[in-house]
C-alpha cells in the first residue's frame, strides 16, 4: 500500500446512524436514504462504532421505548461514504 493511501484510510471515521421516524411513533424508516438518517455519535474505528451500537440497543430493551426501533436499525457508516451526500 502506498503511504498516501494509508494516510487517507487513517482519516476515515465512523458514524453510528439511526434512521428517521416514519409515520408512527415507534416505527422507523430504515429504507430512507442515508442522507436523511441522524448521526447519533462518531467514532475513530469501526469496532468502536459496532460496540456502541450494541450498547445502545441493550439500553433500550422495552418495546415501548421509541428509541429501541431506531437503535435496532442503526448502522455504522464510514464518514466518507458517498451516500451521506445524496439529496
C-alpha atoms as a PDB file:
ATOM      1  CA  UNK A   1       0.000   0.000   0.000  1.00  0.00           C
ATOM      2  CA  UNK A   2       1.298   3.442  -0.894  1.00  0.00           C
ATOM      3  CA  UNK A   3       1.841   5.855   2.031  1.00  0.00           C
ATOM      4  CA  UNK A   4      -0.688   8.365   0.706  1.00  0.00           C
ATOM      5  CA  UNK A   5      -3.355   5.625   0.582  1.00  0.00           C
ATOM      6  CA  UNK A   6      -2.595   4.605   4.150  1.00  0.00           C
ATOM      7  CA  UNK A   7      -2.910   8.225   5.271  1.00  0.00           C
ATOM      8  CA  UNK A   8      -6.282   8.535   3.536  1.00  0.00           C
ATOM      9  CA  UNK A   9      -7.552   5.393   5.233  1.00  0.00           C
ATOM     10  CA  UNK A  10      -6.428   6.677   8.619  1.00  0.00           C
ATOM     11  CA  UNK A  11      -8.634   9.759   8.207  1.00  0.00           C
ATOM     12  CA  UNK A  12     -11.839   7.764   7.812  1.00  0.00           C
ATOM     13  CA  UNK A  13     -14.057   7.823  10.867  1.00  0.00           C
ATOM     14  CA  UNK A  14     -17.348   6.118  11.598  1.00  0.00           C
ATOM     15  CA  UNK A  15     -20.826   7.409  12.373  1.00  0.00           C
ATOM     16  CA  UNK A  16     -23.425   5.486  14.335  1.00  0.00           C
ATOM     17  CA  UNK A  17     -26.533   6.491  12.429  1.00  0.00           C
ATOM     18  CA  UNK A  18     -30.183   5.959  13.207  1.00  0.00           C
ATOM     19  CA  UNK A  19     -32.986   6.066  10.626  1.00  0.00           C
ATOM     20  CA  UNK A  20     -35.674   8.743  10.641  1.00  0.00           C
ATOM     21  CA  UNK A  21     -39.059   8.039  12.145  1.00  0.00           C
ATOM     22  CA  UNK A  22     -41.838   7.028   9.848  1.00  0.00           C
ATOM     23  CA  UNK A  23     -45.451   7.987  10.379  1.00  0.00           C
ATOM     24  CA  UNK A  24     -45.805   6.041  13.648  1.00  0.00           C
ATOM     25  CA  UNK A  25     -44.193   6.930  16.978  1.00  0.00           C
ATOM     26  CA  UNK A  26     -42.368   3.589  17.286  1.00  0.00           C
ATOM     27  CA  UNK A  27     -41.739   2.881  13.619  1.00  0.00           C
ATOM     28  CA  UNK A  28     -38.612   3.928  11.737  1.00  0.00           C
ATOM     29  CA  UNK A  29     -37.980   4.267   8.026  1.00  0.00           C
ATOM     30  CA  UNK A  30     -34.895   2.083   7.617  1.00  0.00           C
ATOM     31  CA  UNK A  31     -35.333   2.307   3.842  1.00  0.00           C
ATOM     32  CA  UNK A  32     -34.839   6.081   3.829  1.00  0.00           C
ATOM     33  CA  UNK A  33     -31.764   7.426   2.030  1.00  0.00           C
ATOM     34  CA  UNK A  34     -28.738   7.575   4.310  1.00  0.00           C
ATOM     35  CA  UNK A  35     -28.611  11.347   3.871  1.00  0.00           C
ATOM     36  CA  UNK A  36     -31.880  11.518   5.861  1.00  0.00           C
ATOM     37  CA  UNK A  37     -30.562   9.478   8.804  1.00  0.00           C
ATOM     38  CA  UNK A  38     -29.327  11.107  12.023  1.00  0.00           C
ATOM     39  CA  UNK A  39     -25.778  10.825  13.321  1.00  0.00           C
ATOM     40  CA  UNK A  40     -26.085   9.525  16.863  1.00  0.00           C
ATOM     41  CA  UNK A  41     -22.339   9.591  17.596  1.00  0.00           C
ATOM     42  CA  UNK A  42     -18.931   9.460  15.879  1.00  0.00           C
ATOM     43  CA  UNK A  43     -16.025   7.037  16.334  1.00  0.00           C
ATOM     44  CA  UNK A  44     -12.446   6.605  15.167  1.00  0.00           C
ATOM     45  CA  UNK A  45     -12.763   2.880  14.431  1.00  0.00           C
ATOM     46  CA  UNK A  46     -15.461   0.572  13.084  1.00  0.00           C
ATOM     47  CA  UNK A  47     -15.208  -1.776  16.065  1.00  0.00           C
ATOM     48  CA  UNK A  48     -15.861   1.142  18.457  1.00  0.00           C
ATOM     49  CA  UNK A  49     -18.975   2.067  16.495  1.00  0.00           C
ATOM     50  CA  UNK A  50     -20.235  -1.519  16.434  1.00  0.00           C
ATOM     51  CA  UNK A  51     -19.700  -1.776  20.194  1.00  0.00           C
ATOM     52  CA  UNK A  52     -21.658   1.423  20.765  1.00  0.00           C
ATOM     53  CA  UNK A  53     -24.459   0.134  18.547  1.00  0.00           C
ATOM     54  CA  UNK A  54     -24.726  -2.960  20.711  1.00  0.00           C
ATOM     55  CA  UNK A  55     -24.658  -0.959  23.963  1.00  0.00           C
ATOM     56  CA  UNK A  56     -27.316   1.467  22.724  1.00  0.00           C
ATOM     57  CA  UNK A  57     -29.525  -1.415  21.618  1.00  0.00           C
ATOM     58  CA  UNK A  58     -29.154  -3.103  25.012  1.00  0.00           C
ATOM     59  CA  UNK A  59     -30.002   0.159  26.775  1.00  0.00           C
ATOM     60  CA  UNK A  60     -33.430   0.242  25.113  1.00  0.00           C
ATOM     61  CA  UNK A  61     -34.895  -3.200  25.766  1.00  0.00           C
ATOM     62  CA  UNK A  62     -38.536  -2.263  26.231  1.00  0.00           C
ATOM     63  CA  UNK A  63     -40.695  -2.358  23.113  1.00  0.00           C
ATOM     64  CA  UNK A  64     -42.409   0.830  24.302  1.00  0.00           C
ATOM     65  CA  UNK A  65     -39.137   2.777  24.156  1.00  0.00           C
ATOM     66  CA  UNK A  66     -39.309   4.814  20.909  1.00  0.00           C
ATOM     67  CA  UNK A  67     -35.525   4.677  20.508  1.00  0.00           C
ATOM     68  CA  UNK A  68     -35.477   0.870  20.563  1.00  0.00           C
ATOM     69  CA  UNK A  69     -36.624   0.568  16.957  1.00  0.00           C
ATOM     70  CA  UNK A  70     -34.165   3.244  15.880  1.00  0.00           C
ATOM     71  CA  UNK A  71     -31.181   1.544  17.508  1.00  0.00           C
ATOM     72  CA  UNK A  72     -32.325  -1.877  16.299  1.00  0.00           C
ATOM     73  CA  UNK A  73     -31.992  -0.490  12.755  1.00  0.00           C
ATOM     74  CA  UNK A  74     -28.857   1.623  13.435  1.00  0.00           C
ATOM     75  CA  UNK A  75     -25.851   1.242  11.159  1.00  0.00           C
ATOM     76  CA  UNK A  76     -22.176   2.142  11.366  1.00  0.00           C
ATOM     77  CA  UNK A  77     -21.275   4.161   8.283  1.00  0.00           C
ATOM     78  CA  UNK A  78     -17.858   5.417   7.196  1.00  0.00           C
ATOM     79  CA  UNK A  79     -17.601   9.205   7.286  1.00  0.00           C
ATOM     80  CA  UNK A  80     -16.553   9.248   3.630  1.00  0.00           C
ATOM     81  CA  UNK A  81     -19.487   7.129   2.428  1.00  0.00           C
ATOM     82  CA  UNK A  82     -20.869   8.848  -0.695  1.00  0.00           C
ATOM     83  CA  UNK A  83     -24.464   8.005   0.304  1.00  0.00           C
ATOM     84  CA  UNK A  84     -24.225  10.641   3.038  1.00  0.00           C
ATOM     85  CA  UNK A  85     -24.168  13.342   0.359  1.00  0.00           C
ATOM     86  CA  UNK A  86     -27.172  12.145  -1.645  1.00  0.00           C
ATOM     87  CA  UNK A  87     -30.045  14.538  -1.976  1.00  0.00           C
END
